[in-house]
Amino acid sequence: MPRDPERRDRGQVAIEYIGFLPILLLVALAAVQLGLIAYTAQQAGTAARTGARSASLEGPHEADCRAAVSSWLADETSCPASFGADEVTVTAEITIPSVFPGKDNFGTARKTATMPRDH
């Protein structure tokens, strides 16, 4: 008696899907990581501008710089300032978190802003 061909291929799609699932997960994680890198860079720009504005008014630029970023990135933020005669420059550096297991971070996002000093 010949076997029914439809019955023989019954679980093939499920096996192919299970084999393809790790690739789909890797692509999804890569997309999330790229978004996280872009978001961290945007936050670094905001922090640098806020820190430079605060430092130009002789305010607490480091605290203002950290307050300008999302709370979950604030601990990984540093904002050193350099003061010139007529201007102040703040460079914000934020460690880029990783979504990949076993990798702590993806380097740092670094943005610089310069503002005239308020005399």
Protein backbone atom coordinates (compact mmCIF):
# COMPACT_ATOMS: atom_id res chain seq x y z
CA MET A 1 0.00 0.00 0.00
CA PRO A 2 1.57 3.41 -1.02
CA ARG A 3 2.03 6.07 1.66
CA ASP A 4 0.19 9.36 1.50
CA PRO A 5 2.73 12.12 0.50
CA GLU A 6 0.88 14.82 2.48
CA ARG A 7 1.15 12.82 5.68
CA ARG A 8 4.89 12.29 5.24
CA ASP A 9 5.65 16.08 5.02
CA ARG A 10 3.41 17.04 7.89
CA GLY A 11 6.03 18.34 10.40
CA GLN A 12 8.53 19.69 7.88
CA VAL A 13 7.38 23.32 8.16
CA ALA A 14 7.69 23.27 11.93
CA ILE A 15 11.23 21.88 11.73
CA GLU A 16 12.24 24.52 9.15
CA TYR A 17 10.76 27.28 11.32
CA ILE A 18 12.64 26.07 14.40
CA GLY A 19 15.87 26.04 12.38
CA PHE A 20 15.27 29.59 11.11
CA LEU A 21 14.22 31.02 14.49
CA PRO A 22 17.77 31.77 15.78
CA ILE A 23 18.47 33.84 12.66
CA LEU A 24 15.26 35.81 13.16
CA LEU A 25 16.16 36.46 16.80
CA LEU A 26 19.65 37.63 15.85
CA VAL A 27 18.29 40.06 13.25
CA ALA A 28 15.75 41.40 15.78
CA LEU A 29 18.46 41.90 18.42
CA ALA A 30 20.67 43.69 15.87
CA ALA A 31 17.81 46.05 14.96
CA VAL A 32 17.17 46.83 18.63
CA GLN A 33 20.90 47.41 19.21
CA LEU A 34 21.11 49.86 16.29
CA GLY A 35 18.16 51.78 17.71
CA LEU A 36 19.81 51.84 21.12
CA ILE A 37 23.05 53.19 19.61
CA ALA A 38 21.14 55.98 17.83
CA TYR A 39 19.14 56.81 20.97
CA THR A 40 22.29 56.98 23.12
CA ALA A 41 23.97 59.30 20.57
CA GLN A 42 20.92 61.58 20.63
CA GLN A 43 20.97 61.61 24.44
CA ALA A 44 24.70 62.50 24.40
CA GLY A 45 23.95 65.51 22.19
CA THR A 46 21.22 66.68 24.53
CA ALA A 47 23.49 66.21 27.55
CA ALA A 48 26.35 68.15 25.93
CA ARG A 49 24.12 71.12 25.03
CA THR A 50 22.52 71.20 28.48
CA GLY A 51 25.89 70.91 30.23
CA ALA A 52 27.41 73.66 28.07
CA ARG A 53 24.44 75.95 28.71
CA SER A 54 24.70 75.34 32.46
CA ALA A 55 28.48 75.81 32.52
CA SER A 56 28.20 79.06 30.55
CA LEU A 57 25.95 80.38 33.31
CA GLU A 58 28.38 79.04 35.94
CA GLY A 59 25.87 76.43 37.09
CA PRO A 60 26.38 72.81 38.15
CA HIS A 61 27.05 71.59 34.61
CA GLU A 62 27.84 67.97 35.54
CA ALA A 63 24.57 67.50 37.44
CA ASP A 64 22.56 69.30 34.75
CA CYS A 65 24.22 67.22 32.06
CA ARG A 66 23.24 63.96 33.78
CA ALA A 67 19.72 65.21 34.50
CA ALA A 68 19.20 65.84 30.78
CA VAL A 69 19.51 62.13 29.85
CA SER A 70 17.20 59.22 30.57
CA SER A 71 17.56 57.95 34.13
CA TRP A 72 18.80 54.50 33.02
CA LEU A 73 21.69 56.15 31.12
CA ALA A 74 22.58 58.81 33.70
CA ASP A 75 24.95 56.60 35.71
CA GLU A 76 26.99 55.91 32.56
CA THR A 77 27.29 59.62 31.66
CA SER A 78 30.27 61.92 32.13
CA CYS A 79 30.44 65.57 31.08
CA PRO A 80 33.83 67.22 31.55
CA ALA A 81 34.01 70.92 30.69
CA SER A 82 36.83 73.07 29.39
CA PHE A 83 36.60 76.80 30.03
CA GLY A 84 38.09 79.36 27.68
CA ALA A 85 38.16 83.13 27.99
CA ASP A 86 34.89 83.66 26.13
CA GLU A 87 33.40 80.20 25.75
CA VAL A 88 32.88 76.88 27.47
CA THR A 89 32.96 73.44 25.83
CA VAL A 90 31.34 70.35 27.31
CA THR A 91 31.87 66.86 25.95
CA ALA A 92 29.23 64.34 26.98
CA GLU A 93 30.20 60.68 26.93
CA ILE A 94 27.61 57.96 27.51
CA THR A 95 28.38 54.24 27.55
CA ILE A 96 26.20 52.47 24.99
CA PRO A 97 24.46 49.49 26.64
CA SER A 98 24.29 46.14 24.88
CA VAL A 99 21.29 43.88 24.32
CA PHE A 100 23.51 40.94 23.36
CA PRO A 101 24.22 38.43 26.13
CA GLY A 102 27.86 38.35 27.21
CA LYS A 103 28.68 41.83 25.81
CA ASP A 104 28.73 44.61 28.41
CA ASN A 105 28.67 47.65 26.12
CA PHE A 106 29.16 48.90 22.58
CA GLY A 107 31.64 51.67 23.33
CA THR A 108 30.68 55.26 24.04
CA ALA A 109 28.63 57.92 22.32
CA ARG A 110 30.51 61.22 22.46
CA LYS A 111 29.06 64.64 21.58
CA THR A 112 30.51 68.11 22.14
CA ALA A 113 28.79 71.47 22.54
CA THR A 114 30.27 74.96 22.88
CA MET A 115 28.47 77.98 24.32
CA PRO A 116 29.59 81.57 24.91
CA ARG A 117 30.29 82.42 28.55
CA ASP A 118 27.92 84.76 30.30
CA HIS A 119 30.07 87.45 31.90
